Amino acid sequence: MQNAPPQLAKYPMIILHSSPNLLFIEHVRCLMEENGFHCQIRHRELFGSIALESETWPQLLLTDPENEAEARARLQEILSADPGKDSGKEWTCFNCRERIEGQFTECWNCGYSRR
């Protein structure tokens, strides 16, 4: 019995953002997913290569271009957010998923800083 070929995306994916920082791109991907936008990361395997050019930076891809306008608006909010602005608001550590009280900027469990 042969395996079915992997399904191709119905539409081409849209590049929303790129950065030389893979951890940042992964963080933004998680935030976008939490807001209902399905995303993937391209060039993950090239992170840390010696001759890292901007064309090979990790890229955040939106898998459903029908939601592009909404996704770009939400991405802009995420990128322009000041992490200290809502210091009284409880937050979830990106690294270990621990819930942290709003007055703290570092996770007590793993040391991750939200700044």
C-alpha atoms as a PDB file:
ATOM      1  CA  MET A   1       0.000   0.000   0.000  1.00  0.00           C
ATOM      2  CA  GLN A   2       1.480   3.341  -1.050  1.00  0.00           C
ATOM      3  CA  ASN A   3       1.283   6.443   1.065  1.00  0.00           C
ATOM      4  CA  ALA A   4      -0.696   9.322  -0.374  1.00  0.00           C
ATOM      5  CA  PRO A   5       1.433  12.272  -1.485  1.00  0.00           C
ATOM      6  CA  PRO A   6       1.448  15.231   0.914  1.00  0.00           C
ATOM      7  CA  GLN A   7      -1.260  17.771   0.217  1.00  0.00           C
ATOM      8  CA  LEU A   8      -0.089  20.989  -1.329  1.00  0.00           C
ATOM      9  CA  ALA A   9      -1.313  24.310  -0.031  1.00  0.00           C
ATOM     10  CA  LYS A  10      -4.493  25.459  -1.745  1.00  0.00           C
ATOM     11  CA  TYR A  11      -2.939  28.891  -2.270  1.00  0.00           C
ATOM     12  CA  PRO A  12       0.654  30.117  -2.242  1.00  0.00           C
ATOM     13  CA  MET A  13       1.792  31.168   1.214  1.00  0.00           C
ATOM     14  CA  ILE A  14       2.367  34.849   1.964  1.00  0.00           C
ATOM     15  CA  ILE A  15       5.572  36.112   3.592  1.00  0.00           C
ATOM     16  CA  LEU A  16       4.472  38.222   6.558  1.00  0.00           C
ATOM     17  CA  HIS A  17       7.818  38.942   8.188  1.00  0.00           C
ATOM     18  CA  SER A  18      11.462  37.884   8.235  1.00  0.00           C
ATOM     19  CA  SER A  19      14.225  38.330  10.783  1.00  0.00           C
ATOM     20  CA  PRO A  20      17.731  37.027  11.405  1.00  0.00           C
ATOM     21  CA  ASN A  21      16.466  35.993  14.857  1.00  0.00           C
ATOM     22  CA  LEU A  22      14.766  32.583  14.667  1.00  0.00           C
ATOM     23  CA  LEU A  23      13.593  32.762  18.281  1.00  0.00           C
ATOM     24  CA  PHE A  24      11.812  36.051  17.563  1.00  0.00           C
ATOM     25  CA  ILE A  25      10.133  34.637  14.436  1.00  0.00           C
ATOM     26  CA  GLU A  26       9.009  31.574  16.425  1.00  0.00           C
ATOM     27  CA  HIS A  27       7.633  33.847  19.152  1.00  0.00           C
ATOM     28  CA  VAL A  28       5.670  35.910  16.616  1.00  0.00           C
ATOM     29  CA  ARG A  29       4.398  32.679  14.992  1.00  0.00           C
ATOM     30  CA  CYS A  30       3.052  31.525  18.359  1.00  0.00           C
ATOM     31  CA  LEU A  31       1.321  34.868  18.934  1.00  0.00           C
ATOM     32  CA  MET A  32      -0.223  34.755  15.468  1.00  0.00           C
ATOM     33  CA  GLU A  33      -1.418  31.165  16.045  1.00  0.00           C
ATOM     34  CA  GLU A  34      -2.973  32.232  19.363  1.00  0.00           C
ATOM     35  CA  ASN A  35      -4.923  34.832  17.361  1.00  0.00           C
ATOM     36  CA  GLY A  36      -6.200  32.238  14.879  1.00  0.00           C
ATOM     37  CA  PHE A  37      -3.762  32.807  11.999  1.00  0.00           C
ATOM     38  CA  HIS A  38      -2.099  29.619  10.771  1.00  0.00           C
ATOM     39  CA  CYS A  39       1.557  30.250   9.999  1.00  0.00           C
ATOM     40  CA  GLN A  40       4.709  28.340   9.146  1.00  0.00           C
ATOM     41  CA  ILE A  41       8.386  29.210   9.284  1.00  0.00           C
ATOM     42  CA  ARG A  42      10.561  28.921   6.185  1.00  0.00           C
ATOM     43  CA  HIS A  43      14.394  28.791   6.276  1.00  0.00           C
ATOM     44  CA  ARG A  44      14.437  27.518   9.854  1.00  0.00           C
ATOM     45  CA  GLU A  45      17.201  25.078   8.939  1.00  0.00           C
ATOM     46  CA  LEU A  46      19.417  27.896   7.596  1.00  0.00           C
ATOM     47  CA  PHE A  47      19.452  29.768  10.908  1.00  0.00           C
ATOM     48  CA  GLY A  48      22.996  30.224  12.153  1.00  0.00           C
ATOM     49  CA  SER A  49      24.715  29.594   8.847  1.00  0.00           C
ATOM     50  CA  ILE A  50      27.960  31.500   8.367  1.00  0.00           C
ATOM     51  CA  ALA A  51      26.889  33.552   5.331  1.00  0.00           C
ATOM     52  CA  LEU A  52      23.385  34.397   6.434  1.00  0.00           C
ATOM     53  CA  GLU A  53      21.918  36.778   3.859  1.00  0.00           C
ATOM     54  CA  SER A  54      18.557  38.486   4.306  1.00  0.00           C
ATOM     55  CA  GLU A  55      17.082  36.255   1.574  1.00  0.00           C
ATOM     56  CA  THR A  56      17.740  33.231   3.790  1.00  0.00           C
ATOM     57  CA  TRP A  57      16.540  34.693   7.090  1.00  0.00           C
ATOM     58  CA  PRO A  58      13.770  32.739   8.792  1.00  0.00           C
ATOM     59  CA  GLN A  59      10.441  33.848   7.319  1.00  0.00           C
ATOM     60  CA  LEU A  60       6.986  33.842   8.849  1.00  0.00           C
ATOM     61  CA  LEU A  61       4.507  32.567   6.263  1.00  0.00           C
ATOM     62  CA  LEU A  62       0.734  32.904   6.362  1.00  0.00           C
ATOM     63  CA  THR A  63      -0.816  29.686   5.064  1.00  0.00           C
ATOM     64  CA  ASP A  64      -4.214  31.218   4.217  1.00  0.00           C
ATOM     65  CA  PRO A  65      -3.886  34.327   2.041  1.00  0.00           C
ATOM     66  CA  GLU A  66      -7.622  35.033   2.335  1.00  0.00           C
ATOM     67  CA  ASN A  67      -6.849  36.380   5.826  1.00  0.00           C
ATOM     68  CA  GLU A  68      -3.847  38.444   4.736  1.00  0.00           C
ATOM     69  CA  ALA A  69      -5.229  41.898   5.583  1.00  0.00           C
ATOM     70  CA  GLU A  70      -6.330  40.830   9.077  1.00  0.00           C
ATOM     71  CA  ALA A  71      -3.079  38.956   9.661  1.00  0.00           C
ATOM     72  CA  ARG A  72      -0.946  41.942   8.627  1.00  0.00           C
ATOM     73  CA  ALA A  73      -2.942  44.230  10.929  1.00  0.00           C
ATOM     74  CA  ARG A  74      -2.486  41.854  13.869  1.00  0.00           C
ATOM     75  CA  LEU A  75       1.200  41.408  13.047  1.00  0.00           C
ATOM     76  CA  GLN A  76       1.665  45.194  13.092  1.00  0.00           C
ATOM     77  CA  GLU A  77       0.054  45.322  16.550  1.00  0.00           C
ATOM     78  CA  ILE A  78       2.386  42.564  17.762  1.00  0.00           C
ATOM     79  CA  LEU A  79       5.503  44.204  16.335  1.00  0.00           C
ATOM     80  CA  SER A  80       4.663  47.642  17.713  1.00  0.00           C
ATOM     81  CA  ALA A  81       3.605  46.438  21.165  1.00  0.00           C
ATOM     82  CA  ASP A  82       5.574  47.756  24.118  1.00  0.00           C
ATOM     83  CA  PRO A  83       6.156  44.809  26.482  1.00  0.00           C
ATOM     84  CA  GLY A  84       6.255  47.127  29.498  1.00  0.00           C
ATOM     85  CA  LYS A  85       3.043  48.946  28.564  1.00  0.00           C
ATOM     86  CA  ASP A  86       0.686  46.408  30.128  1.00  0.00           C
ATOM     87  CA  SER A  87       2.922  45.638  33.072  1.00  0.00           C
ATOM     88  CA  GLY A  88      -0.068  44.878  35.294  1.00  0.00           C
ATOM     89  CA  LYS A  89      -1.424  42.237  32.917  1.00  0.00           C
ATOM     90  CA  GLU A  90      -0.641  38.559  33.505  1.00  0.00           C
ATOM     91  CA  TRP A  91       1.405  36.988  30.684  1.00  0.00           C
ATOM     92  CA  THR A  92       2.502  33.547  29.521  1.00  0.00           C
ATOM     93  CA  CYS A  93       6.191  32.743  29.205  1.00  0.00           C
ATOM     94  CA  PHE A  94       7.057  31.976  25.576  1.00  0.00           C
ATOM     95  CA  ASN A  95       9.773  29.529  26.596  1.00  0.00           C
ATOM     96  CA  CYS A  96       8.093  27.309  29.224  1.00  0.00           C
ATOM     97  CA  ARG A  97       4.405  28.437  29.055  1.00  0.00           C
ATOM     98  CA  GLU A  98       4.314  29.343  32.770  1.00  0.00           C
ATOM     99  CA  ARG A  99       1.750  32.028  33.748  1.00  0.00           C
ATOM    100  CA  ILE A 100       3.534  35.089  35.197  1.00  0.00           C
ATOM    101  CA  GLU A 101       2.083  38.007  37.154  1.00  0.00           C
ATOM    102  CA  GLY A 102       2.094  41.256  35.195  1.00  0.00           C
ATOM    103  CA  GLN A 103       4.552  43.194  37.333  1.00  0.00           C
ATOM    104  CA  PHE A 104       7.335  40.727  36.451  1.00  0.00           C
ATOM    105  CA  THR A 105       9.282  40.957  33.192  1.00  0.00           C
ATOM    106  CA  GLU A 106      11.156  37.658  33.637  1.00  0.00           C
ATOM    107  CA  CYS A 107       9.828  34.150  34.102  1.00  0.00           C
ATOM    108  CA  TRP A 108      10.529  32.810  37.563  1.00  0.00           C
ATOM    109  CA  ASN A 109      10.623  29.249  36.198  1.00  0.00           C
ATOM    110  CA  CYS A 110      13.124  29.513  33.299  1.00  0.00           C
ATOM    111  CA  GLY A 111      14.427  33.103  33.307  1.00  0.00           C
ATOM    112  CA  TYR A 112      12.952  34.098  29.911  1.00  0.00           C
ATOM    113  CA  SER A 113      12.571  37.882  29.620  1.00  0.00           C
ATOM    114  CA  ARG A 114       9.522  39.324  27.879  1.00  0.00           C
ATOM    115  CA  ARG A 115      11.419  42.516  27.022  1.00  0.00           C
END
